[in-house]
C-alpha atoms as a PDB file:
ATOM      1  CA  MET A   1      17.425   6.334   3.971  1.00  0.00           C
ATOM      2  CA  ALA A   2      15.170   4.431   6.352  1.00  0.00           C
ATOM      3  CA  ARG A   3      15.086   0.697   6.993  1.00  0.00           C
ATOM      4  CA  ILE A   4      11.423  -0.301   6.651  1.00  0.00           C
ATOM      5  CA  LEU A   5       9.784  -3.672   7.272  1.00  0.00           C
ATOM      6  CA  VAL A   6       6.833  -4.298   4.959  1.00  0.00           C
ATOM      7  CA  THR A   7       4.282  -7.069   5.500  1.00  0.00           C
ATOM      8  CA  GLY A   8       1.497  -8.058   3.128  1.00  0.00           C
ATOM      9  CA  ASN A   9       0.830 -10.355   0.209  1.00  0.00           C
ATOM     10  CA  ILE A  10       3.068 -11.023  -2.761  1.00  0.00           C
ATOM     11  CA  ASN A  11       0.738 -11.968  -5.590  1.00  0.00           C
ATOM     12  CA  ARG A  12       0.899 -13.037  -9.211  1.00  0.00           C
ATOM     13  CA  ASP A  13      -1.896 -10.804 -10.465  1.00  0.00           C
ATOM     14  CA  ARG A  14      -3.771 -11.846 -13.588  1.00  0.00           C
ATOM     15  CA  THR A  15      -5.335  -8.821 -15.269  1.00  0.00           C
ATOM     16  CA  ILE A  16      -8.363  -8.738 -17.567  1.00  0.00           C
ATOM     17  CA  ARG A  17      -9.004  -5.399 -19.267  1.00  0.00           C
ATOM     18  CA  LEU A  18     -12.783  -5.154 -19.781  1.00  0.00           C
ATOM     19  CA  GLN A  19     -14.537  -3.487 -22.704  1.00  0.00           C
ATOM     20  CA  GLY A  20     -17.429  -2.363 -20.500  1.00  0.00           C
ATOM     21  CA  ALA A  21     -18.131  -1.315 -16.922  1.00  0.00           C
ATOM     22  CA  LEU A  22     -19.255  -3.619 -14.136  1.00  0.00           C
ATOM     23  CA  PRO A  23     -21.823  -4.867 -13.349  1.00  0.00           C
ATOM     24  CA  GLY A  24     -22.949  -6.348 -16.617  1.00  0.00           C
ATOM     25  CA  CYS A  25     -24.582  -9.531 -17.804  1.00  0.00           C
ATOM     26  CA  ARG A  26     -21.903 -10.188 -20.438  1.00  0.00           C
ATOM     27  CA  ILE A  27     -18.674  -8.232 -20.843  1.00  0.00           C
ATOM     28  CA  VAL A  28     -15.838  -9.069 -23.206  1.00  0.00           C
ATOM     29  CA  GLY A  29     -12.330  -8.610 -21.896  1.00  0.00           C
ATOM     30  CA  HIS A  30      -8.717  -8.875 -23.001  1.00  0.00           C
ATOM     31  CA  ASP A  31      -6.331 -10.994 -20.923  1.00  0.00           C
ATOM     32  CA  THR A  32      -3.142  -8.954 -20.438  1.00  0.00           C
ATOM     33  CA  GLY A  33      -1.340 -11.743 -18.586  1.00  0.00           C
ATOM     34  CA  HIS A  34       0.339 -11.924 -15.205  1.00  0.00           C
ATOM     35  CA  SER A  35       2.308  -9.362 -13.236  1.00  0.00           C
ATOM     36  CA  LEU A  36       3.861  -9.002  -9.806  1.00  0.00           C
ATOM     37  CA  GLY A  37       1.396  -7.510  -7.332  1.00  0.00           C
ATOM     38  CA  GLY A  38       0.096  -7.571  -3.776  1.00  0.00           C
ATOM     39  CA  ALA A  39       0.365  -4.994  -0.997  1.00  0.00           C
ATOM     40  CA  ALA A  40       3.841  -6.057   0.117  1.00  0.00           C
ATOM     41  CA  ALA A  41       5.289  -6.062  -3.394  1.00  0.00           C
ATOM     42  CA  ASN A  42       3.632  -2.811  -4.490  1.00  0.00           C
ATOM     43  CA  THR A  43       4.352  -0.811  -1.334  1.00  0.00           C
ATOM     44  CA  GLY A  44       7.822  -2.291  -0.987  1.00  0.00           C
ATOM     45  CA  MET A  45       8.809  -1.405  -4.543  1.00  0.00           C
ATOM     46  CA  ALA A  46       7.316   2.081  -4.193  1.00  0.00           C
ATOM     47  CA  LEU A  47       9.401   2.684  -1.052  1.00  0.00           C
ATOM     48  CA  ALA A  48      12.503   1.356  -2.796  1.00  0.00           C
ATOM     49  CA  ARG A  49      11.891   3.922  -5.554  1.00  0.00           C
ATOM     50  CA  GLY A  50      12.258   6.512  -2.773  1.00  0.00           C
ATOM     51  CA  GLY A  51      15.660   5.154  -1.787  1.00  0.00           C
ATOM     52  CA  HIS A  52      14.606   3.253   1.329  1.00  0.00           C
ATOM     53  CA  HIS A  53      16.018  -0.091   2.421  1.00  0.00           C
ATOM     54  CA  VAL A  54      12.901  -2.243   2.282  1.00  0.00           C
ATOM     55  CA  VAL A  55      12.645  -5.682   3.885  1.00  0.00           C
ATOM     56  CA  ILE A  56       9.547  -7.675   2.927  1.00  0.00           C
ATOM     57  CA  ALA A  57       8.155 -10.273   5.322  1.00  0.00           C
ATOM     58  CA  SER A  58       5.622 -12.432   3.521  1.00  0.00           C
ATOM     59  CA  GLY A  59       4.989 -15.839   2.016  1.00  0.00           C
ATOM     60  CA  LEU A  60       5.554 -16.819  -1.609  1.00  0.00           C
ATOM     61  CA  GLY A  61       4.942 -20.082  -3.417  1.00  0.00           C
ATOM     62  CA  HIS A  62       7.691 -22.165  -4.990  1.00  0.00           C
ATOM     63  CA  GLY A  63       8.164 -22.885  -8.679  1.00  0.00           C
ATOM     64  CA  PRO A  64       9.345 -20.879 -11.705  1.00  0.00           C
ATOM     65  CA  ALA A  65       6.630 -18.225 -11.254  1.00  0.00           C
ATOM     66  CA  GLY A  66       7.584 -17.614  -7.626  1.00  0.00           C
ATOM     67  CA  ASP A  67      11.277 -17.519  -8.540  1.00  0.00           C
ATOM     68  CA  ALA A  68      10.615 -14.895 -11.219  1.00  0.00           C
ATOM     69  CA  MET A  69       8.579 -12.747  -8.799  1.00  0.00           C
ATOM     70  CA  LEU A  70      11.350 -12.891  -6.216  1.00  0.00           C
ATOM     71  CA  ALA A  71      13.931 -11.928  -8.841  1.00  0.00           C
ATOM     72  CA  GLU A  72      11.817  -8.932  -9.870  1.00  0.00           C
ATOM     73  CA  LEU A  73      11.701  -7.694  -6.288  1.00  0.00           C
ATOM     74  CA  VAL A  74      15.461  -8.091  -5.905  1.00  0.00           C
ATOM     75  CA  ALA A  75      16.038  -6.221  -9.182  1.00  0.00           C
ATOM     76  CA  ALA A  76      13.967  -3.343  -7.760  1.00  0.00           C
ATOM     77  CA  GLY A  77      16.254  -3.149  -4.727  1.00  0.00           C
ATOM     78  CA  VAL A  78      13.987  -4.940  -2.237  1.00  0.00           C
ATOM     79  CA  ASP A  79      15.446  -7.184   0.486  1.00  0.00           C
ATOM     80  CA  VAL A  80      13.653 -10.555   0.316  1.00  0.00           C
ATOM     81  CA  SER A  81      15.607 -12.309   3.084  1.00  0.00           C
ATOM     82  CA  CYS A  82      12.440 -12.509   5.226  1.00  0.00           C
ATOM     83  CA  VAL A  83      10.218 -13.964   2.479  1.00  0.00           C
ATOM     84  CA  ALA A  84       9.221 -17.536   3.341  1.00  0.00           C
ATOM     85  CA  ARG A  85       8.996 -19.893   0.373  1.00  0.00           C
ATOM     86  CA  LEU A  86       5.910 -22.080   0.670  1.00  0.00           C
ATOM     87  CA  ASP A  87       5.104 -25.446  -0.857  1.00  0.00           C
ATOM     88  CA  VAL A  88       2.161 -24.056  -2.829  1.00  0.00           C
ATOM     89  CA  ALA A  89       1.643 -22.149  -6.063  1.00  0.00           C
ATOM     90  CA  PRO A  90       1.838 -18.308  -5.868  1.00  0.00           C
ATOM     91  CA  ALA A  91      -1.463 -16.583  -5.124  1.00  0.00           C
ATOM     92  CA  GLU A  92      -3.158 -15.412  -8.351  1.00  0.00           C
ATOM     93  CA  PRO A  93      -5.890 -12.798  -7.767  1.00  0.00           C
ATOM     94  CA  LEU A  94      -7.976 -11.872 -10.786  1.00  0.00           C
ATOM     95  CA  ILE A  95      -7.898  -8.114 -11.534  1.00  0.00           C
ATOM     96  CA  LEU A  96     -10.741  -6.749 -13.671  1.00  0.00           C
ATOM     97  CA  ILE A  97      -9.985  -3.319 -15.181  1.00  0.00           C
ATOM     98  CA  GLU A  98     -12.881  -1.214 -16.489  1.00  0.00           C
ATOM     99  CA  PRO A  99     -12.410   1.311 -19.330  1.00  0.00           C
ATOM    100  CA  SER A 100     -12.330   4.073 -16.700  1.00  0.00           C
ATOM    101  CA  GLY A 101      -9.326   2.432 -15.047  1.00  0.00           C
ATOM    102  CA  GLU A 102     -11.261   1.340 -11.950  1.00  0.00           C
ATOM    103  CA  ARG A 103     -10.470  -2.169 -10.837  1.00  0.00           C
ATOM    104  CA  THR A 104     -12.205  -5.079  -9.135  1.00  0.00           C
ATOM    105  CA  ILE A 105     -10.038  -7.677  -7.371  1.00  0.00           C
ATOM    106  CA  ILE A 106     -11.125 -11.287  -6.972  1.00  0.00           C
ATOM    107  CA  HIS A 107      -8.903 -13.234  -4.589  1.00  0.00           C
ATOM    108  CA  LEU A 108      -8.717 -16.872  -5.637  1.00  0.00           C
ATOM    109  CA  VAL A 109      -6.848 -18.202  -2.588  1.00  0.00           C
ATOM    110  CA  PRO A 110      -6.471 -17.227   1.093  1.00  0.00           C
ATOM    111  CA  THR A 111      -3.502 -15.119   2.150  1.00  0.00           C
ATOM    112  CA  GLN A 112      -0.212 -17.008   2.132  1.00  0.00           C
ATOM    113  CA  GLY A 113       1.219 -14.739   4.798  1.00  0.00           C
ATOM    114  CA  ALA A 114      -0.584 -16.751   7.474  1.00  0.00           C
ATOM    115  CA  GLU A 115       2.211 -19.325   7.079  1.00  0.00           C
ATOM    116  CA  VAL A 116       4.972 -16.847   8.025  1.00  0.00           C
ATOM    117  CA  ASP A 117       6.511 -16.929  11.523  1.00  0.00           C
ATOM    118  CA  PHE A 118       6.223 -13.214  12.309  1.00  0.00           C
ATOM    119  CA  ASP A 119       6.992 -13.911  15.984  1.00  0.00           C
ATOM    120  CA  ALA A 120      10.563 -14.787  14.999  1.00  0.00           C
ATOM    121  CA  LEU A 121      11.200 -11.492  13.197  1.00  0.00           C
ATOM    122  CA  GLN A 122      13.748  -9.263  14.870  1.00  0.00           C
ATOM    123  CA  GLY A 123      15.323  -6.097  13.509  1.00  0.00           C
ATOM    124  CA  ASP A 124      16.200  -2.494  14.089  1.00  0.00           C
ATOM    125  CA  TRP A 125      13.416  -1.077  11.911  1.00  0.00           C
ATOM    126  CA  ASP A 126      12.849   2.634  11.324  1.00  0.00           C
ATOM    127  CA  ALA A 127       9.195   1.893  10.475  1.00  0.00           C
ATOM    128  CA  ILE A 128       6.813  -1.019   9.941  1.00  0.00           C
ATOM    129  CA  TYR A 129       3.985  -1.371   7.429  1.00  0.00           C
ATOM    130  CA  ALA A 130       1.329  -3.866   8.517  1.00  0.00           C
ATOM    131  CA  ALA A 131      -0.823  -4.846   5.547  1.00  0.00           C
ATOM    132  CA  MET A 132      -1.873  -8.365   6.471  1.00  0.00           C
ATOM    133  CA  PRO A 133      -4.792  -9.068   8.848  1.00  0.00           C
ATOM    134  CA  VAL A 134      -3.271 -12.118  10.532  1.00  0.00           C
ATOM    135  CA  PRO A 135      -2.537 -12.567  14.269  1.00  0.00           C
ATOM    136  CA  GLY A 136       1.223 -12.827  13.733  1.00  0.00           C
ATOM    137  CA  VAL A 137       1.401  -9.344  12.216  1.00  0.00           C
ATOM    138  CA  ALA A 138      -0.706  -7.906  15.052  1.00  0.00           C
ATOM    139  CA  ARG A 139       1.693  -9.422  17.597  1.00  0.00           C
ATOM    140  CA  LEU A 140       4.672  -8.056  15.649  1.00  0.00           C
ATOM    141  CA  CYS A 141       3.193  -4.548  15.737  1.00  0.00           C
ATOM    142  CA  ALA A 142       2.431  -4.839  19.447  1.00  0.00           C
ATOM    143  CA  ARG A 143       6.075  -5.737  20.140  1.00  0.00           C
ATOM    144  CA  TYR A 144       7.363  -2.728  18.223  1.00  0.00           C
ATOM    145  CA  GLN A 145       4.856  -0.103  19.318  1.00  0.00           C
ATOM    146  CA  GLY A 146       6.736   2.830  20.775  1.00  0.00           C
ATOM    147  CA  ARG A 147      10.010   1.613  19.255  1.00  0.00           C
ATOM    148  CA  CYS A 148       9.351   2.786  15.697  1.00  0.00           C
ATOM    149  CA  PRO A 149       6.483   4.334  13.692  1.00  0.00           C
ATOM    150  CA  ILE A 150       3.866   1.818  12.517  1.00  0.00           C
ATOM    151  CA  LEU A 151       1.467   2.288   9.608  1.00  0.00           C
ATOM    152  CA  GLY A 152      -1.343  -0.248   9.406  1.00  0.00           C
ATOM    153  CA  GLN A 153      -3.655  -1.085   6.524  1.00  0.00           C
ATOM    154  CA  TRP A 154      -7.192  -1.523   7.859  1.00  0.00           C
ATOM    155  CA  TYR A 155      -9.501  -3.898   6.037  1.00  0.00           C
ATOM    156  CA  PRO A 156     -12.980  -3.199   7.493  1.00  0.00           C
ATOM    157  CA  GLY A 157     -14.443  -6.371   8.933  1.00  0.00           C
ATOM    158  CA  THR A 158     -11.044  -7.549  10.189  1.00  0.00           C
ATOM    159  CA  PRO A 159      -9.125  -6.552  13.352  1.00  0.00           C
ATOM    160  CA  ALA A 160      -6.888  -3.530  12.838  1.00  0.00           C
ATOM    161  CA  PRO A 161      -3.219  -4.033  13.770  1.00  0.00           C
ATOM    162  CA  PRO A 162      -1.764  -1.918  16.613  1.00  0.00           C
ATOM    163  CA  SER A 163      -0.578   1.188  14.737  1.00  0.00           C
ATOM    164  CA  ASP A 164       0.249   4.859  15.045  1.00  0.00           C
ATOM    165  CA  ILE A 165      -1.628   5.546  11.809  1.00  0.00           C
ATOM    166  CA  LEU A 166      -4.179   3.378  10.023  1.00  0.00           C
ATOM    167  CA  VAL A 167      -5.060   3.849   6.375  1.00  0.00           C
ATOM    168  CA  THR A 168      -8.086   2.456   4.541  1.00  0.00           C
ATOM    169  CA  SER A 169     -10.198   3.176   1.483  1.00  0.00           C
ATOM    170  CA  ALA A 170     -13.759   4.475   1.499  1.00  0.00           C
ATOM    171  CA  SER A 171     -14.530   1.943  -1.241  1.00  0.00           C
ATOM    172  CA  ALA A 172     -13.578  -0.924   1.096  1.00  0.00           C
ATOM    173  CA  SER A 173     -16.809  -0.607   3.086  1.00  0.00           C
ATOM    174  CA  THR A 174     -20.454   0.269   2.505  1.00  0.00           C
ATOM    175  CA  THR A 175     -20.486   2.240   5.778  1.00  0.00           C
ATOM    176  CA  PRO A 176     -18.251   5.195   6.735  1.00  0.00           C
ATOM    177  CA  GLN A 177     -15.016   4.246   8.486  1.00  0.00           C
ATOM    178  CA  ARG A 178     -14.652   6.112  11.775  1.00  0.00           C
ATOM    179  CA  LEU A 179     -11.907   6.261  14.366  1.00  0.00           C
ATOM    180  CA  ALA A 180     -14.510   5.579  17.059  1.00  0.00           C
ATOM    181  CA  ASP A 181     -15.093   2.129  15.552  1.00  0.00           C
ATOM    182  CA  LEU A 182     -11.538   1.042  16.377  1.00  0.00           C
ATOM    183  CA  THR A 183     -10.412  -0.422  19.716  1.00  0.00           C
ATOM    184  CA  PRO A 184      -7.888   0.704  20.691  1.00  0.00           C
ATOM    185  CA  PRO A 185      -7.921   3.701  18.341  1.00  0.00           C
ATOM    186  CA  PRO A 186      -4.690   4.721  16.574  1.00  0.00           C
ATOM    187  CA  GLU A 187      -3.393   8.274  16.731  1.00  0.00           C
ATOM    188  CA  TRP A 188      -4.744   8.880  13.198  1.00  0.00           C
ATOM    189  CA  LEU A 189      -7.112   7.168  10.758  1.00  0.00           C
ATOM    190  CA  ILE A 190      -6.691   8.074   7.066  1.00  0.00           C
ATOM    191  CA  VAL A 191      -9.535   7.277   4.667  1.00  0.00           C
ATOM    192  CA  THR A 192      -8.752   7.660   0.970  1.00  0.00           C
ATOM    193  CA  GLU A 193     -11.710   8.697  -1.178  1.00  0.00           C
ATOM    194  CA  GLY A 194     -10.424   8.413  -4.747  1.00  0.00           C
ATOM    195  CA  ALA A 195     -10.830  11.568  -6.803  1.00  0.00           C
ATOM    196  CA  ALA A 196     -12.317  13.305  -3.736  1.00  0.00           C
ATOM    197  CA  GLY A 197      -8.950  13.156  -1.966  1.00  0.00           C
ATOM    198  CA  ALA A 198      -8.461  11.865   1.567  1.00  0.00           C
ATOM    199  CA  ARG A 199      -9.425  12.703   5.118  1.00  0.00           C
ATOM    200  CA  ALA A 200      -7.577  11.982   8.348  1.00  0.00           C
ATOM    201  CA  GLU A 201      -9.221  11.872  11.757  1.00  0.00           C
ATOM    202  CA  ALA A 202      -7.133  12.203  14.921  1.00  0.00           C
ATOM    203  CA  ARG A 203      -7.770  10.622  18.303  1.00  0.00           C
ATOM    204  CA  ASP A 204      -7.912  14.142  19.815  1.00  0.00           C
ATOM    205  CA  GLY A 205     -10.592  15.279  17.333  1.00  0.00           C
ATOM    206  CA  ARG A 206      -8.456  17.079  14.744  1.00  0.00           C
ATOM    207  CA  LEU A 207      -9.392  16.602  11.099  1.00  0.00           C
ATOM    208  CA  ILE A 208      -7.249  16.921   7.966  1.00  0.00           C
ATOM    209  CA  ARG A 209      -8.768  17.030   4.481  1.00  0.00           C
ATOM    210  CA  ARG A 210      -6.447  16.930   1.494  1.00  0.00           C
ATOM    211  CA  PRO A 211      -7.401  16.983  -2.196  1.00  0.00           C
ATOM    212  CA  ALA A 212      -6.386  14.355  -4.702  1.00  0.00           C
ATOM    213  CA  VAL A 213      -3.746  15.227  -7.270  1.00  0.00           C
ATOM    214  CA  PRO A 214      -5.570  15.264 -10.637  1.00  0.00           C
ATOM    215  CA  ALA A 215      -4.367  12.492 -12.938  1.00  0.00           C
ATOM    216  CA  THR A 216      -3.995  13.480 -16.573  1.00  0.00           C
ATOM    217  CA  GLU A 217      -4.732   9.886 -17.541  1.00  0.00           C
ATOM    218  CA  VAL A 218      -6.176   6.941 -15.634  1.00  0.00           C
ATOM    219  CA  ARG A 219      -5.035   3.644 -17.065  1.00  0.00           C
ATOM    220  CA  ASP A 220      -5.268   1.342 -14.055  1.00  0.00           C
ATOM    221  CA  THR A 221      -6.015   2.085 -10.387  1.00  0.00           C
ATOM    222  CA  THR A 222      -4.444  -1.194  -9.211  1.00  0.00           C
ATOM    223  CA  GLY A 223      -1.743  -0.491  -6.658  1.00  0.00           C
ATOM    224  CA  ALA A 224      -2.693   3.162  -6.119  1.00  0.00           C
ATOM    225  CA  GLY A 225      -3.571   2.542  -2.473  1.00  0.00           C
ATOM    226  CA  ASP A 226      -0.325   0.652  -1.903  1.00  0.00           C
ATOM    227  CA  VAL A 227       1.707   3.493  -3.410  1.00  0.00           C
ATOM    228  CA  TYR A 228      -0.282   5.976  -1.308  1.00  0.00           C
ATOM    229  CA  ALA A 229       0.779   4.030   1.793  1.00  0.00           C
ATOM    230  CA  ALA A 230       4.410   4.329   0.683  1.00  0.00           C
ATOM    231  CA  GLY A 231       4.036   8.118   0.633  1.00  0.00           C
ATOM    232  CA  ILE A 232       2.646   8.137   4.166  1.00  0.00           C
ATOM    233  CA  LEU A 233       5.499   5.930   5.385  1.00  0.00           C
ATOM    234  CA  HIS A 234       8.057   8.197   3.712  1.00  0.00           C
ATOM    235  CA  GLY A 235       6.615  11.158   5.596  1.00  0.00           C
ATOM    236  CA  MET A 236       6.479   9.252   8.891  1.00  0.00           C
ATOM    237  CA  VAL A 237      10.181   8.333   8.865  1.00  0.00           C
ATOM    238  CA  ALA A 238      11.091  11.866   7.733  1.00  0.00           C
ATOM    239  CA  GLY A 239       9.148  13.384  10.628  1.00  0.00           C
ATOM    240  CA  TRP A 240       6.829  15.404   8.377  1.00  0.00           C
ATOM    241  CA  PRO A 241       3.442  16.790   9.415  1.00  0.00           C
ATOM    242  CA  LEU A 242       0.787  14.293   8.336  1.00  0.00           C
ATOM    243  CA  ALA A 243      -0.808  16.762   5.916  1.00  0.00           C
ATOM    244  CA  ARG A 244       2.426  16.999   3.955  1.00  0.00           C
ATOM    245  CA  ALA A 245       2.811  13.215   3.878  1.00  0.00           C
ATOM    246  CA  MET A 246      -0.761  12.907   2.565  1.00  0.00           C
ATOM    247  CA  ASP A 247       0.033  15.303  -0.267  1.00  0.00           C
ATOM    248  CA  LEU A 248       3.141  13.368  -1.270  1.00  0.00           C
ATOM    249  CA  ALA A 249       1.088  10.160  -1.114  1.00  0.00           C
ATOM    250  CA  ALA A 250      -1.532  11.706  -3.401  1.00  0.00           C
ATOM    251  CA  ALA A 251       1.153  12.746  -5.905  1.00  0.00           C
ATOM    252  CA  LEU A 252       2.597   9.226  -5.976  1.00  0.00           C
ATOM    253  CA  ALA A 253      -0.862   7.661  -6.386  1.00  0.00           C
ATOM    254  CA  ALA A 254      -1.699  10.031  -9.261  1.00  0.00           C
ATOM    255  CA  ARG A 255       1.403   8.832 -11.099  1.00  0.00           C
ATOM    256  CA  GLN A 256       0.614   5.194 -10.324  1.00  0.00           C
ATOM    257  CA  VAL A 257      -2.842   5.278 -11.967  1.00  0.00           C
ATOM    258  CA  LYS A 258      -1.216   6.365 -15.238  1.00  0.00           C
ATOM    259  CA  THR A 259       0.687   3.055 -15.236  1.00  0.00           C
ATOM    260  CA  GLU A 260      -0.505  -0.156 -16.832  1.00  0.00           C
ATOM    261  CA  GLY A 261      -0.477  -2.824 -14.124  1.00  0.00           C
ATOM    262  CA  PRO A 262       0.365  -2.725 -10.415  1.00  0.00           C
ATOM    263  CA  THR A 263       4.160  -2.382 -10.604  1.00  0.00           C
ATOM    264  CA  PRO A 264       5.224   1.035  -9.270  1.00  0.00           C
ATOM    265  CA  PRO A 265       7.066   2.864 -12.088  1.00  0.00           C
ATOM    266  CA  GLU A 266      10.610   4.173 -11.801  1.00  0.00           C
ATOM    267  CA  ALA A 267       9.110   7.641 -12.396  1.00  0.00           C
ATOM    268  CA  LEU A 268       8.123   7.683  -8.719  1.00  0.00           C
ATOM    269  CA  SER A 269      11.778   8.351  -7.880  1.00  0.00           C
ATOM    270  CA  LYS A 270      11.543  11.785  -9.506  1.00  0.00           C
ATOM    271  CA  ILE A 271       8.516  12.686  -7.379  1.00  0.00           C
ATOM    272  CA  TYR A 272      10.366  11.736  -4.187  1.00  0.00           C
ATOM    273  CA  ARG A 273      13.312  13.894  -5.257  1.00  0.00           C
ATOM    274  CA  GLN A 274      11.050  16.870  -5.956  1.00  0.00           C
ATOM    275  CA  TRP A 275       9.720  16.625  -2.398  1.00  0.00           C
ATOM    276  CA  SER A 276      13.192  16.418  -0.878  1.00  0.00           C
ATOM    277  CA  GLU A 277      14.967  19.384  -2.491  1.00  0.00           C
ATOM    278  CA  PRO A 278      17.819  20.628  -0.255  1.00  0.00           C
ATOM    279  CA  ASP A 279      16.618  24.222  -0.597  1.00  0.00           C
ATOM    280  CA  GLY A 280      13.362  23.297   1.074  1.00  0.00           C
ATOM    281  CA  THR A 281      11.242  23.601  -2.064  1.00  0.00           C
ATOM    282  CA  ASP A 282       7.842  22.081  -1.438  1.00  0.00           C
ATOM    283  CA  PRO A 283       5.876  21.344  -4.646  1.00  0.00           C
ATOM    284  CA  ARG A 284       2.565  20.710  -2.889  1.00  0.00           C
ATOM    285  CA  ALA A 285      -0.246  23.123  -2.250  1.00  0.00           C
ATOM    286  CA  ASP A 286      -0.343  24.640   1.224  1.00  0.00           C
ATOM    287  CA  CYS A 287      -1.422  22.070   3.826  1.00  0.00           C
ATOM    288  CA  THR A 288      -4.168  23.096   6.183  1.00  0.00           C
ATOM    289  CA  ILE A 289      -5.596  21.363   9.235  1.00  0.00           C
ATOM    290  CA  SER A 290      -9.140  22.091  10.330  1.00  0.00           C
ATOM    291  CA  ALA A 291     -10.552  21.493  13.798  1.00  0.00           C
END
């Protein structure tokens, strides 16, 4: 399969499962402990479940916790040769999970990826995922534009990395995200809208709207966006139409929200296989593109 470089955070998520919905003046919660998380870890593991050779470029603190996180990535088939070990403790965001499965993330420390020398990275990548709003990642993407497909994660309020496709979440901003707000604009901007599905806006004015895949159970939405990005990347390296990639991404995300915690489940592998049947079977609904 494809050789994909993934940038982003590797976190030691601490999850609190709440007994009530936010906001509230006093809510009791149950501490479920720590787990491997962060955009790089979640997307990287999700891509590895699809059989890709994933190389993560990120920063990770030293110590027993960092060692255990690195070992978990290796066990999942992820190449960690480009992970820089830093003389700090691993980042520990606080994840608050409501009874509905919706999550609120509180970042306790700045990104550790700012310490990585992305300018020194060289490789024959089939695709790059840029999920870290730091100058080094933007320069990396600029160097590889036109050489391989690039998917960027856009965090509104921060500069978007040079990308062929940008993906963001409607919940990440109080105002609608529009392609016109980006300079220079990518070829496509995808905005995920939770249960309402996702929309993609093209630089030439085309619009794609795809429904969400209904989840039979929502345990935890943490990592759903990262897994969605893995589905888009899978479609990009396979040369699929974007609508088809969005449908695969939705199927992967629907399976992710049934999982407790951010770690992409091994069950994702079955979904990838269903979408890659040699007889051309396509389990999605018909993809349509509207002007």
